[in-house]
Amino acid sequence: MSYNKKITLGQEIRRIRVGEIFPVYTLYGGDPFLEDYFINEIQSSFLKNNNSKINLSLDQDLPQLLFEELSAISLFEEKRMIIVREIKKLRAQMGRKELIQYIQSPNRNLVLILISEEYDMKNTFLKQISSLSEFVDLRPPFKDEMKKWVRYILKSKDIRIDDSSLDTYVELYGDSIAHVINEVEKMSLNVGIGNEINNKTINQLDGYDKVFHIWNLQDNIGKKNLQLSLVILKSLLIDGTNITRIIVNIVFLFQQLLWRKMGRRNPIGYTGINKIITSRLKDYDRNYSYLELKDLLQELRKIDLLSKSSSLKQDSLLEILLIKICQGINA
C-alpha cells in the first residue's frame, strides 16, 4: 500500500474495515471524538481480540518510553498499537531523528498513531512525519460534513432526531462533534428513549431552555443575524454573563476580521475565538468592510465606558450595539 495524501476520513475508515491498515498514522486537528473513533476502528480491525494497546502522552511521559516500546521485540509476532499524543513535544533533535528513522522502516506488526491537537504544517517536524506516514486531518469538520458524522453516530446509538433540530444542535454546539453528540444524548434522555427529538418533543419539556455560549453570539454577529443575536444576548445576560466579557469577546472577533483585512490570514497567539469561529472568519469577512470594522471597534470602546459610567440599562446598550452591527443603523 502507498500512502494517500488526499483521502477523507470516511474513505480511510472504509479502507481500515477491509484490512488496508498502515503501520504509521499521523492525526492532526484536535477533534477528540474523531480521534477516539478512528483509534477504535484501528483497534477493532488490527488487534481484534488482542488488547495490546499502549497510550502515551509526551506532555507527561518520557520519550524514552516510546522508543523502548518501538524497539521491543515479540517472540510470537504479537500485534500491538501505540498511541502517542502531544507528539509535537518531542523536542530533542536526537529523538526526532530516531522517530523519523523508525517511520521510514516500521515494524509491520505494530501500528503507531502520532497525534497533534494542533494542525500546524509550519512546524517542520510535524510536516515531515505527516509526509512519511498516512496523514489524517481531524480538524472539526465544516457544518455539512459534521452533520453527516453526527447523524451516523446517533444512528449507531439508536437516537432519532429530525433535520431541523439537528441543524440547531450543530449551530449551537458545533465547536466539535463530541460537543454536539453529548448535547443530543442529554436531550434524548429527556424526551425518552425511542422518541424522536424534534420541536414538538422539546417544547413539551417543562422548564427547558436553550443554553447559549458567547461563541454563538460571535457566530451570529459574524453572520449579521440580528434576530438570533438578540435572543442569544438576552440568554447570556439572564445567565449572568458580565457585559464586559461580552464586549471583549465581540472585540476579539472584530480584531481578527480587521487583521484579515490587513493581510494577516493566520491568527497568532491567543485570539479569543474558538476553532469553529476561526474556520468561519472567511465567511464573516464578506459581511464587513475595513472602515466598518474600525468604526465598530471604536463603538465597542464607547459602549464599554458607558456601561461603567452611566445609569443606562446594560441590556439596552448592547441591544443598540447589535442593531448597529447587524443593520448598520445609528440607533
C-alpha atoms as a PDB file:
ATOM      1  CA  MET A   1       0.000   0.000   0.000  1.00  0.00           C
ATOM      2  CA  SER A   2       1.155   3.516  -0.746  1.00  0.00           C
ATOM      3  CA  TYR A   3       0.421   6.498   1.440  1.00  0.00           C
ATOM      4  CA  ASN A   4      -2.534   8.564   0.237  1.00  0.00           C
ATOM      5  CA  LYS A   5      -2.462  12.304   0.949  1.00  0.00           C
ATOM      6  CA  LYS A   6      -5.881  13.247  -0.410  1.00  0.00           C
ATOM      7  CA  ILE A   7      -8.148  10.765   1.329  1.00  0.00           C
ATOM      8  CA  THR A   8     -11.128  11.698   3.513  1.00  0.00           C
ATOM      9  CA  LEU A   9     -11.702  10.309   6.993  1.00  0.00           C
ATOM     10  CA  GLY A  10     -14.707   8.336   5.731  1.00  0.00           C
ATOM     11  CA  GLN A  11     -12.617   6.775   2.962  1.00  0.00           C
ATOM     12  CA  GLU A  12      -9.885   5.993   5.485  1.00  0.00           C
ATOM     13  CA  ILE A  13     -12.368   4.204   7.737  1.00  0.00           C
ATOM     14  CA  ARG A  14     -13.627   2.112   4.805  1.00  0.00           C
ATOM     15  CA  ARG A  15     -10.049   1.089   3.965  1.00  0.00           C
ATOM     16  CA  ILE A  16      -9.402   0.080   7.575  1.00  0.00           C
ATOM     17  CA  ARG A  17     -12.533  -2.070   7.643  1.00  0.00           C
ATOM     18  CA  VAL A  18     -11.326  -4.100   4.650  1.00  0.00           C
ATOM     19  CA  GLY A  19      -7.912  -4.605   6.221  1.00  0.00           C
ATOM     20  CA  GLU A  20      -5.912  -1.841   4.487  1.00  0.00           C
ATOM     21  CA  ILE A  21      -4.025  -0.699   7.561  1.00  0.00           C
ATOM     22  CA  PHE A  22      -0.801   1.324   7.562  1.00  0.00           C
ATOM     23  CA  PRO A  23       1.990   0.932  10.138  1.00  0.00           C
ATOM     24  CA  VAL A  24       2.128   4.666  10.957  1.00  0.00           C
ATOM     25  CA  TYR A  25      -0.641   7.287  11.089  1.00  0.00           C
ATOM     26  CA  THR A  26      -0.476  10.956  11.985  1.00  0.00           C
ATOM     27  CA  LEU A  27      -3.678  12.586  13.243  1.00  0.00           C
ATOM     28  CA  TYR A  28      -3.728  16.382  13.377  1.00  0.00           C
ATOM     29  CA  GLY A  29      -6.537  18.746  14.272  1.00  0.00           C
ATOM     30  CA  GLY A  30      -7.801  18.102  17.761  1.00  0.00           C
ATOM     31  CA  ASP A  31     -11.373  16.819  17.468  1.00  0.00           C
ATOM     32  CA  PRO A  32     -11.327  14.311  20.376  1.00  0.00           C
ATOM     33  CA  PHE A  33     -14.386  12.421  19.211  1.00  0.00           C
ATOM     34  CA  LEU A  34     -12.919  11.763  15.753  1.00  0.00           C
ATOM     35  CA  GLU A  35      -9.593  10.759  17.311  1.00  0.00           C
ATOM     36  CA  ASP A  36     -11.251   8.141  19.531  1.00  0.00           C
ATOM     37  CA  TYR A  37     -13.490   6.953  16.700  1.00  0.00           C
ATOM     38  CA  PHE A  38     -10.507   6.462  14.397  1.00  0.00           C
ATOM     39  CA  ILE A  39      -8.448   4.682  17.057  1.00  0.00           C
ATOM     40  CA  ASN A  40     -11.323   2.321  17.876  1.00  0.00           C
ATOM     41  CA  GLU A  41     -11.649   1.413  14.181  1.00  0.00           C
ATOM     42  CA  ILE A  42      -7.935   0.552  14.008  1.00  0.00           C
ATOM     43  CA  GLN A  43      -8.160  -1.441  17.216  1.00  0.00           C
ATOM     44  CA  SER A  44     -11.167  -3.455  16.022  1.00  0.00           C
ATOM     45  CA  SER A  45      -9.624  -4.316  12.660  1.00  0.00           C
ATOM     46  CA  PHE A  46      -5.960  -4.693  13.598  1.00  0.00           C
ATOM     47  CA  LEU A  47      -5.915  -6.012  17.151  1.00  0.00           C
ATOM     48  CA  LYS A  48      -9.296  -7.770  17.083  1.00  0.00           C
ATOM     49  CA  ASN A  49      -9.443  -9.594  20.438  1.00  0.00           C
ATOM     50  CA  ASN A  50      -5.866  -8.720  21.365  1.00  0.00           C
ATOM     51  CA  ASN A  51      -5.648  -5.867  23.898  1.00  0.00           C
ATOM     52  CA  SER A  52      -2.016  -4.925  23.388  1.00  0.00           C
ATOM     53  CA  LYS A  53      -2.610  -1.168  23.160  1.00  0.00           C
ATOM     54  CA  ILE A  54      -0.264   1.364  24.738  1.00  0.00           C
ATOM     55  CA  ASN A  55      -1.203   5.002  25.360  1.00  0.00           C
ATOM     56  CA  LEU A  56       1.487   7.631  25.827  1.00  0.00           C
ATOM     57  CA  SER A  57       1.389  11.412  26.037  1.00  0.00           C
ATOM     58  CA  LEU A  58       4.645  13.332  25.724  1.00  0.00           C
ATOM     59  CA  ASP A  59       3.438  16.121  27.982  1.00  0.00           C
ATOM     60  CA  GLN A  60       3.547  13.520  30.792  1.00  0.00           C
ATOM     61  CA  ASP A  61       5.583  10.504  29.633  1.00  0.00           C
ATOM     62  CA  LEU A  62       9.288  10.449  28.873  1.00  0.00           C
ATOM     63  CA  PRO A  63      10.171   9.997  25.170  1.00  0.00           C
ATOM     64  CA  GLN A  64      12.377   7.090  26.235  1.00  0.00           C
ATOM     65  CA  LEU A  65       9.223   5.059  26.980  1.00  0.00           C
ATOM     66  CA  LEU A  66       8.141   5.478  23.365  1.00  0.00           C
ATOM     67  CA  PHE A  67      11.449   4.306  21.947  1.00  0.00           C
ATOM     68  CA  GLU A  68      11.586   1.346  24.329  1.00  0.00           C
ATOM     69  CA  GLU A  69       8.166   0.234  23.054  1.00  0.00           C
ATOM     70  CA  LEU A  70       9.148   0.764  19.414  1.00  0.00           C
ATOM     71  CA  SER A  71      12.272  -1.346  19.804  1.00  0.00           C
ATOM     72  CA  ALA A  72      10.600  -4.130  21.824  1.00  0.00           C
ATOM     73  CA  ILE A  73      10.583  -7.477  20.017  1.00  0.00           C
ATOM     74  CA  SER A  74       7.803 -10.025  20.436  1.00  0.00           C
ATOM     75  CA  LEU A  75       8.812 -13.657  20.163  1.00  0.00           C
ATOM     76  CA  PHE A  76       5.307 -14.536  18.963  1.00  0.00           C
ATOM     77  CA  GLU A  77       4.904 -11.627  16.485  1.00  0.00           C
ATOM     78  CA  GLU A  78       2.132 -10.185  18.619  1.00  0.00           C
ATOM     79  CA  LYS A  79       0.263  -7.281  17.052  1.00  0.00           C
ATOM     80  CA  ARG A  80       0.405  -4.051  19.019  1.00  0.00           C
ATOM     81  CA  MET A  81      -0.828  -0.462  18.883  1.00  0.00           C
ATOM     82  CA  ILE A  82       0.981   2.557  20.294  1.00  0.00           C
ATOM     83  CA  ILE A  83      -0.909   5.854  20.537  1.00  0.00           C
ATOM     84  CA  VAL A  84       1.263   8.896  21.190  1.00  0.00           C
ATOM     85  CA  ARG A  85      -0.410  12.200  21.993  1.00  0.00           C
ATOM     86  CA  GLU A  86       1.326  15.607  22.085  1.00  0.00           C
ATOM     87  CA  ILE A  87       3.918  14.381  19.596  1.00  0.00           C
ATOM     88  CA  LYS A  88       4.999  17.988  18.996  1.00  0.00           C
ATOM     89  CA  LYS A  89       6.576  17.936  22.456  1.00  0.00           C
ATOM     90  CA  LEU A  90       9.230  15.521  21.269  1.00  0.00           C
ATOM     91  CA  ARG A  91      11.745  18.368  21.079  1.00  0.00           C
ATOM     92  CA  ALA A  92      15.185  16.720  21.267  1.00  0.00           C
ATOM     93  CA  GLN A  93      16.754  16.543  17.810  1.00  0.00           C
ATOM     94  CA  MET A  94      18.153  13.085  18.509  1.00  0.00           C
ATOM     95  CA  GLY A  95      14.691  11.835  19.498  1.00  0.00           C
ATOM     96  CA  ARG A  96      13.063  13.340  16.402  1.00  0.00           C
ATOM     97  CA  LYS A  97      15.725  11.791  14.189  1.00  0.00           C
ATOM     98  CA  GLU A  98      15.196   8.382  15.815  1.00  0.00           C
ATOM     99  CA  LEU A  99      11.417   8.592  15.312  1.00  0.00           C
ATOM    100  CA  ILE A 100      11.796   9.546  11.640  1.00  0.00           C
ATOM    101  CA  GLN A 101      14.153   6.617  11.121  1.00  0.00           C
ATOM    102  CA  TYR A 102      11.543   4.302  12.640  1.00  0.00           C
ATOM    103  CA  ILE A 103       8.758   5.693  10.430  1.00  0.00           C
ATOM    104  CA  GLN A 104      10.913   5.085   7.347  1.00  0.00           C
ATOM    105  CA  SER A 105      11.306   1.436   8.297  1.00  0.00           C
ATOM    106  CA  PRO A 106       8.427   0.480  10.619  1.00  0.00           C
ATOM    107  CA  ASN A 107       7.510  -2.801  12.291  1.00  0.00           C
ATOM    108  CA  ARG A 108       4.582  -4.292  10.335  1.00  0.00           C
ATOM    109  CA  ASN A 109       3.179  -5.963  13.461  1.00  0.00           C
ATOM    110  CA  LEU A 110       2.765  -2.595  15.131  1.00  0.00           C
ATOM    111  CA  VAL A 111       0.506   0.357  14.345  1.00  0.00           C
ATOM    112  CA  LEU A 112       1.918   3.661  15.563  1.00  0.00           C
ATOM    113  CA  ILE A 113      -0.533   6.574  15.833  1.00  0.00           C
ATOM    114  CA  LEU A 114       1.010  10.013  16.363  1.00  0.00           C
ATOM    115  CA  ILE A 115      -1.388  12.764  17.453  1.00  0.00           C
ATOM    116  CA  SER A 116      -1.083  16.541  17.457  1.00  0.00           C
ATOM    117  CA  GLU A 117      -4.002  18.584  18.770  1.00  0.00           C
ATOM    118  CA  GLU A 118      -2.795  21.404  16.517  1.00  0.00           C
ATOM    119  CA  TYR A 119      -2.921  21.436  12.734  1.00  0.00           C
ATOM    120  CA  ASP A 120       0.454  23.119  12.262  1.00  0.00           C
ATOM    121  CA  MET A 121       2.115  22.448   8.937  1.00  0.00           C
ATOM    122  CA  LYS A 122       4.516  25.349   9.536  1.00  0.00           C
ATOM    123  CA  ASN A 123       6.196  23.165  12.119  1.00  0.00           C
ATOM    124  CA  THR A 124       8.959  21.367  10.219  1.00  0.00           C
ATOM    125  CA  PHE A 125       8.840  18.257  12.404  1.00  0.00           C
ATOM    126  CA  LEU A 126       5.050  17.793  12.137  1.00  0.00           C
ATOM    127  CA  LYS A 127       5.179  18.379   8.404  1.00  0.00           C
ATOM    128  CA  GLN A 128       7.962  15.837   7.952  1.00  0.00           C
ATOM    129  CA  ILE A 129       6.376  12.991   9.926  1.00  0.00           C
ATOM    130  CA  SER A 130       2.999  13.573   8.256  1.00  0.00           C
ATOM    131  CA  SER A 131       4.632  13.341   4.827  1.00  0.00           C
ATOM    132  CA  LEU A 132       6.224   9.977   5.733  1.00  0.00           C
ATOM    133  CA  SER A 133       3.049   8.410   7.154  1.00  0.00           C
ATOM    134  CA  GLU A 134      -0.671   8.090   6.473  1.00  0.00           C
ATOM    135  CA  PHE A 135      -1.901  11.557   7.377  1.00  0.00           C
ATOM    136  CA  VAL A 136      -5.481  12.133   8.617  1.00  0.00           C
ATOM    137  CA  ASP A 137      -6.908  15.642   9.018  1.00  0.00           C
ATOM    138  CA  LEU A 138      -9.123  15.599  12.131  1.00  0.00           C
ATOM    139  CA  ARG A 139      -9.932  19.278  12.469  1.00  0.00           C
ATOM    140  CA  PRO A 140     -13.596  19.853  13.401  1.00  0.00           C
ATOM    141  CA  PRO A 141     -15.402  19.393  10.078  1.00  0.00           C
ATOM    142  CA  PHE A 142     -17.447  22.024   8.300  1.00  0.00           C
ATOM    143  CA  LYS A 143     -21.150  22.169   9.124  1.00  0.00           C
ATOM    144  CA  ASP A 144     -22.442  19.862   6.364  1.00  0.00           C
ATOM    145  CA  GLU A 145     -19.752  17.260   6.982  1.00  0.00           C
ATOM    146  CA  MET A 146     -20.274  17.495  10.735  1.00  0.00           C
ATOM    147  CA  LYS A 147     -23.988  16.797  10.284  1.00  0.00           C
ATOM    148  CA  LYS A 148     -23.179  13.606   8.358  1.00  0.00           C
ATOM    149  CA  TRP A 149     -20.877  12.354  11.124  1.00  0.00           C
ATOM    150  CA  VAL A 150     -23.292  13.274  13.904  1.00  0.00           C
ATOM    151  CA  ARG A 151     -26.186  11.626  12.066  1.00  0.00           C
ATOM    152  CA  TYR A 152     -24.091   8.467  11.543  1.00  0.00           C
ATOM    153  CA  ILE A 153     -23.072   8.252  15.205  1.00  0.00           C
ATOM    154  CA  LEU A 154     -26.559   8.961  16.513  1.00  0.00           C
ATOM    155  CA  LYS A 155     -27.966   6.234  14.283  1.00  0.00           C
ATOM    156  CA  SER A 156     -25.472   3.755  15.760  1.00  0.00           C
ATOM    157  CA  LYS A 157     -26.729   4.788  19.220  1.00  0.00           C
ATOM    158  CA  ASP A 158     -30.376   4.429  18.106  1.00  0.00           C
ATOM    159  CA  ILE A 159     -31.085   8.124  18.734  1.00  0.00           C
ATOM    160  CA  ARG A 160     -33.601   9.772  16.387  1.00  0.00           C
ATOM    161  CA  ILE A 161     -33.560  13.488  15.597  1.00  0.00           C
ATOM    162  CA  ASP A 162     -35.173  15.456  12.786  1.00  0.00           C
ATOM    163  CA  ASP A 163     -33.156  17.646  10.382  1.00  0.00           C
ATOM    164  CA  SER A 164     -34.344  20.951  11.822  1.00  0.00           C
ATOM    165  CA  SER A 165     -33.346  20.025  15.371  1.00  0.00           C
ATOM    166  CA  LEU A 166     -30.020  18.604  14.200  1.00  0.00           C
ATOM    167  CA  ASP A 167     -29.288  21.884  12.396  1.00  0.00           C
ATOM    168  CA  THR A 168     -29.965  23.718  15.653  1.00  0.00           C
ATOM    169  CA  TYR A 169     -27.636  21.480  17.679  1.00  0.00           C
ATOM    170  CA  VAL A 170     -24.815  21.845  15.149  1.00  0.00           C
ATOM    171  CA  GLU A 171     -25.348  25.608  15.128  1.00  0.00           C
ATOM    172  CA  LEU A 172     -25.251  25.849  18.928  1.00  0.00           C
ATOM    173  CA  TYR A 173     -22.649  23.241  19.834  1.00  0.00           C
ATOM    174  CA  GLY A 174     -20.676  22.733  16.631  1.00  0.00           C
ATOM    175  CA  ASP A 175     -17.229  23.551  18.003  1.00  0.00           C
ATOM    176  CA  SER A 176     -16.677  19.779  17.991  1.00  0.00           C
ATOM    177  CA  ILE A 177     -18.558  16.586  17.129  1.00  0.00           C
ATOM    178  CA  ALA A 178     -18.184  15.415  20.723  1.00  0.00           C
ATOM    179  CA  HIS A 179     -19.995  18.508  21.994  1.00  0.00           C
ATOM    180  CA  VAL A 180     -22.922  18.020  19.578  1.00  0.00           C
ATOM    181  CA  ILE A 181     -23.241  14.310  20.403  1.00  0.00           C
ATOM    182  CA  ASN A 182     -23.125  14.991  24.146  1.00  0.00           C
ATOM    183  CA  GLU A 183     -25.901  17.599  23.997  1.00  0.00           C
ATOM    184  CA  VAL A 184     -28.137  15.443  21.765  1.00  0.00           C
ATOM    185  CA  GLU A 185     -27.650  12.463  24.091  1.00  0.00           C
ATOM    186  CA  LYS A 186     -28.729  14.582  27.072  1.00  0.00           C
ATOM    187  CA  MET A 187     -31.841  15.683  25.199  1.00  0.00           C
ATOM    188  CA  SER A 188     -32.555  12.082  24.189  1.00  0.00           C
ATOM    189  CA  LEU A 189     -32.717  11.127  27.875  1.00  0.00           C
ATOM    190  CA  ASN A 190     -35.143  13.998  28.496  1.00  0.00           C
ATOM    191  CA  VAL A 191     -37.553  13.194  25.651  1.00  0.00           C
ATOM    192  CA  GLY A 192     -37.408   9.463  26.372  1.00  0.00           C
ATOM    193  CA  ILE A 193     -35.605   6.542  24.755  1.00  0.00           C
ATOM    194  CA  GLY A 194     -37.009   5.754  21.321  1.00  0.00           C
ATOM    195  CA  ASN A 195     -38.744   9.128  20.895  1.00  0.00           C
ATOM    196  CA  GLU A 196     -37.602  11.423  18.110  1.00  0.00           C
ATOM    197  CA  ILE A 197     -36.019  14.727  19.093  1.00  0.00           C
ATOM    198  CA  ASN A 198     -37.969  17.460  17.305  1.00  0.00           C
ATOM    199  CA  ASN A 199     -39.541  20.836  18.088  1.00  0.00           C
ATOM    200  CA  LYS A 200     -42.707  19.197  19.431  1.00  0.00           C
ATOM    201  CA  THR A 201     -40.974  16.849  21.885  1.00  0.00           C
ATOM    202  CA  ILE A 202     -38.564  19.585  23.005  1.00  0.00           C
ATOM    203  CA  ASN A 203     -41.341  22.107  23.630  1.00  0.00           C
ATOM    204  CA  GLN A 204     -43.241  19.559  25.725  1.00  0.00           C
ATOM    205  CA  LEU A 205     -40.437  19.593  28.310  1.00  0.00           C
ATOM    206  CA  ASP A 206     -41.265  21.796  31.300  1.00  0.00           C
ATOM    207  CA  GLY A 207     -38.609  24.392  32.058  1.00  0.00           C
ATOM    208  CA  TYR A 208     -36.495  23.592  29.007  1.00  0.00           C
ATOM    209  CA  ASP A 209     -34.484  26.474  27.635  1.00  0.00           C
ATOM    210  CA  LYS A 210     -31.616  26.644  25.175  1.00  0.00           C
ATOM    211  CA  VAL A 211     -28.207  27.318  26.693  1.00  0.00           C
ATOM    212  CA  PHE A 212     -26.085  29.632  24.584  1.00  0.00           C
ATOM    213  CA  HIS A 213     -22.387  30.381  24.728  1.00  0.00           C
ATOM    214  CA  ILE A 214     -20.501  33.532  23.827  1.00  0.00           C
ATOM    215  CA  TRP A 215     -19.136  31.871  20.701  1.00  0.00           C
ATOM    216  CA  ASN A 216     -22.757  31.504  19.490  1.00  0.00           C
ATOM    217  CA  LEU A 217     -23.081  35.291  19.770  1.00  0.00           C
ATOM    218  CA  GLN A 218     -19.779  35.794  17.924  1.00  0.00           C
ATOM    219  CA  ASP A 219     -21.005  33.480  15.163  1.00  0.00           C
ATOM    220  CA  ASN A 220     -24.298  35.296  14.606  1.00  0.00           C
ATOM    221  CA  ILE A 221     -22.678  38.709  14.782  1.00  0.00           C
ATOM    222  CA  GLY A 222     -20.241  37.490  12.132  1.00  0.00           C
ATOM    223  CA  LYS A 223     -23.243  36.493  10.006  1.00  0.00           C
ATOM    224  CA  LYS A 224     -25.073  39.782  10.855  1.00  0.00           C
ATOM    225  CA  ASN A 225     -28.042  37.749  12.069  1.00  0.00           C
ATOM    226  CA  LEU A 226     -29.752  40.363  14.253  1.00  0.00           C
ATOM    227  CA  GLN A 227     -32.745  38.321  15.403  1.00  0.00           C
ATOM    228  CA  LEU A 228     -30.754  35.383  16.763  1.00  0.00           C
ATOM    229  CA  SER A 229     -28.016  37.681  18.110  1.00  0.00           C
ATOM    230  CA  LEU A 230     -30.618  39.448  20.272  1.00  0.00           C
ATOM    231  CA  VAL A 231     -32.016  36.105  21.505  1.00  0.00           C
ATOM    232  CA  ILE A 232     -28.537  34.875  22.454  1.00  0.00           C
ATOM    233  CA  LEU A 233     -27.653  38.191  24.106  1.00  0.00           C
ATOM    234  CA  LYS A 234     -30.756  38.025  26.287  1.00  0.00           C
ATOM    235  CA  SER A 235     -29.959  34.416  27.270  1.00  0.00           C
ATOM    236  CA  LEU A 236     -26.361  35.309  28.175  1.00  0.00           C
ATOM    237  CA  LEU A 237     -27.429  38.243  30.331  1.00  0.00           C
ATOM    238  CA  ILE A 238     -30.106  36.164  32.099  1.00  0.00           C
ATOM    239  CA  ASP A 239     -27.474  33.511  32.824  1.00  0.00           C
ATOM    240  CA  GLY A 240     -25.330  36.205  34.478  1.00  0.00           C
ATOM    241  CA  THR A 241     -22.711  36.771  31.789  1.00  0.00           C
ATOM    242  CA  ASN A 242     -20.910  40.046  32.513  1.00  0.00           C
ATOM    243  CA  ILE A 243     -21.385  42.833  29.938  1.00  0.00           C
ATOM    244  CA  THR A 244     -17.639  43.490  29.861  1.00  0.00           C
ATOM    245  CA  ARG A 245     -16.979  39.850  28.969  1.00  0.00           C
ATOM    246  CA  ILE A 246     -19.490  40.067  26.116  1.00  0.00           C
ATOM    247  CA  ILE A 247     -17.920  43.281  24.776  1.00  0.00           C
ATOM    248  CA  VAL A 248     -14.395  41.864  24.991  1.00  0.00           C
ATOM    249  CA  ASN A 249     -15.379  38.771  23.028  1.00  0.00           C
ATOM    250  CA  ILE A 250     -17.000  40.867  20.296  1.00  0.00           C
ATOM    251  CA  VAL A 251     -13.764  42.876  20.167  1.00  0.00           C
ATOM    252  CA  PHE A 252     -11.819  39.604  19.751  1.00  0.00           C
ATOM    253  CA  LEU A 253     -13.969  38.730  16.731  1.00  0.00           C
ATOM    254  CA  PHE A 254     -13.673  42.134  15.066  1.00  0.00           C
ATOM    255  CA  GLN A 255      -9.927  42.297  15.738  1.00  0.00           C
ATOM    256  CA  GLN A 256      -9.410  39.010  13.862  1.00  0.00           C
ATOM    257  CA  LEU A 257     -11.551  40.281  10.974  1.00  0.00           C
ATOM    258  CA  LEU A 258      -9.617  43.558  10.887  1.00  0.00           C
ATOM    259  CA  TRP A 259      -6.324  41.681  10.761  1.00  0.00           C
ATOM    260  CA  ARG A 260      -7.662  39.661   7.837  1.00  0.00           C
ATOM    261  CA  LYS A 261      -8.423  42.916   6.032  1.00  0.00           C
ATOM    262  CA  MET A 262      -4.813  43.941   6.698  1.00  0.00           C
ATOM    263  CA  GLY A 263      -3.470  40.726   5.159  1.00  0.00           C
ATOM    264  CA  ARG A 264      -2.854  38.592   8.248  1.00  0.00           C
ATOM    265  CA  ARG A 265      -4.646  35.318   7.414  1.00  0.00           C
ATOM    266  CA  ASN A 266      -3.185  33.100  10.121  1.00  0.00           C
ATOM    267  CA  PRO A 267      -4.028  34.073  13.731  1.00  0.00           C
ATOM    268  CA  ILE A 268      -1.051  34.421  16.064  1.00  0.00           C
ATOM    269  CA  GLY A 269      -1.145  33.662  19.790  1.00  0.00           C
ATOM    270  CA  TYR A 270      -4.333  33.892  21.854  1.00  0.00           C
ATOM    271  CA  THR A 271      -7.218  35.088  19.677  1.00  0.00           C
ATOM    272  CA  GLY A 272     -10.245  34.868  21.971  1.00  0.00           C
ATOM    273  CA  ILE A 273     -12.134  32.820  19.383  1.00  0.00           C
ATOM    274  CA  ASN A 274     -12.530  29.072  19.177  1.00  0.00           C
ATOM    275  CA  LYS A 275     -11.866  26.743  16.263  1.00  0.00           C
ATOM    276  CA  ILE A 276     -15.310  26.904  14.729  1.00  0.00           C
ATOM    277  CA  ILE A 277     -15.304  30.727  14.717  1.00  0.00           C
ATOM    278  CA  THR A 278     -11.781  30.707  13.287  1.00  0.00           C
ATOM    279  CA  SER A 279     -12.904  28.381  10.482  1.00  0.00           C
ATOM    280  CA  ARG A 280     -15.716  30.800   9.571  1.00  0.00           C
ATOM    281  CA  LEU A 281     -13.694  34.043   9.510  1.00  0.00           C
ATOM    282  CA  LYS A 282     -13.519  33.903   5.727  1.00  0.00           C
ATOM    283  CA  ASP A 283     -17.328  33.892   5.533  1.00  0.00           C
ATOM    284  CA  TYR A 284     -17.735  36.690   8.075  1.00  0.00           C
ATOM    285  CA  ASP A 285     -15.136  38.765   6.249  1.00  0.00           C
ATOM    286  CA  ARG A 286     -17.519  39.237   3.306  1.00  0.00           C
ATOM    287  CA  ASN A 287     -20.028  40.988   5.584  1.00  0.00           C
ATOM    288  CA  TYR A 288     -17.727  43.760   6.826  1.00  0.00           C
ATOM    289  CA  SER A 289     -15.567  46.477   5.293  1.00  0.00           C
ATOM    290  CA  TYR A 290     -12.271  47.707   6.738  1.00  0.00           C
ATOM    291  CA  LEU A 291     -13.743  51.095   7.700  1.00  0.00           C
ATOM    292  CA  GLU A 292     -16.808  49.429   9.212  1.00  0.00           C
ATOM    293  CA  LEU A 293     -14.669  47.263  11.458  1.00  0.00           C
ATOM    294  CA  LYS A 294     -12.614  50.234  12.649  1.00  0.00           C
ATOM    295  CA  ASP A 295     -15.788  52.166  13.395  1.00  0.00           C
ATOM    296  CA  LEU A 296     -17.333  49.257  15.299  1.00  0.00           C
ATOM    297  CA  LEU A 297     -14.209  48.756  17.418  1.00  0.00           C
ATOM    298  CA  GLN A 298     -14.436  52.433  18.405  1.00  0.00           C
ATOM    299  CA  GLU A 299     -18.122  51.946  19.165  1.00  0.00           C
ATOM    300  CA  LEU A 300     -17.337  48.992  21.398  1.00  0.00           C
ATOM    301  CA  ARG A 301     -14.922  51.135  23.416  1.00  0.00           C
ATOM    302  CA  LYS A 302     -17.651  53.752  23.905  1.00  0.00           C
ATOM    303  CA  ILE A 303     -20.177  51.119  24.991  1.00  0.00           C
ATOM    304  CA  ASP A 304     -17.663  49.713  27.467  1.00  0.00           C
ATOM    305  CA  LEU A 305     -17.152  53.160  29.012  1.00  0.00           C
ATOM    306  CA  LEU A 306     -20.900  53.860  29.135  1.00  0.00           C
ATOM    307  CA  SER A 307     -21.584  50.538  30.820  1.00  0.00           C
ATOM    308  CA  LYS A 308     -19.233  51.555  33.633  1.00  0.00           C
ATOM    309  CA  SER A 309     -20.078  55.243  33.950  1.00  0.00           C
ATOM    310  CA  SER A 310     -23.770  55.719  33.097  1.00  0.00           C
ATOM    311  CA  SER A 311     -27.086  54.632  34.554  1.00  0.00           C
ATOM    312  CA  LEU A 312     -28.317  53.238  31.227  1.00  0.00           C
ATOM    313  CA  LYS A 313     -29.503  49.631  31.327  1.00  0.00           C
ATOM    314  CA  GLN A 314     -26.785  47.250  30.185  1.00  0.00           C
ATOM    315  CA  ASP A 315     -29.087  45.156  28.018  1.00  0.00           C
ATOM    316  CA  SER A 316     -30.286  48.324  26.228  1.00  0.00           C
ATOM    317  CA  LEU A 317     -26.706  49.395  25.499  1.00  0.00           C
ATOM    318  CA  LEU A 318     -25.898  46.029  23.980  1.00  0.00           C
ATOM    319  CA  GLU A 319     -29.132  45.790  22.022  1.00  0.00           C
ATOM    320  CA  ILE A 320     -28.384  49.183  20.437  1.00  0.00           C
ATOM    321  CA  LEU A 321     -24.884  47.962  19.651  1.00  0.00           C
ATOM    322  CA  LEU A 322     -26.170  44.777  17.959  1.00  0.00           C
ATOM    323  CA  ILE A 323     -28.601  46.787  15.825  1.00  0.00           C
ATOM    324  CA  LYS A 324     -25.730  48.989  14.674  1.00  0.00           C
ATOM    325  CA  ILE A 325     -23.521  45.964  13.961  1.00  0.00           C
ATOM    326  CA  CYS A 326     -26.060  43.862  12.114  1.00  0.00           C
ATOM    327  CA  GLN A 327     -28.036  46.559  10.314  1.00  0.00           C
ATOM    328  CA  GLY A 328     -25.627  49.462  10.169  1.00  0.00           C
ATOM    329  CA  ILE A 329     -28.184  51.750  11.800  1.00  0.00           C
ATOM    330  CA  ASN A 330     -27.020  54.542  14.102  1.00  0.00           C
ATOM    331  CA  ALA A 331     -29.656  53.822  16.744  1.00  0.00           C
END
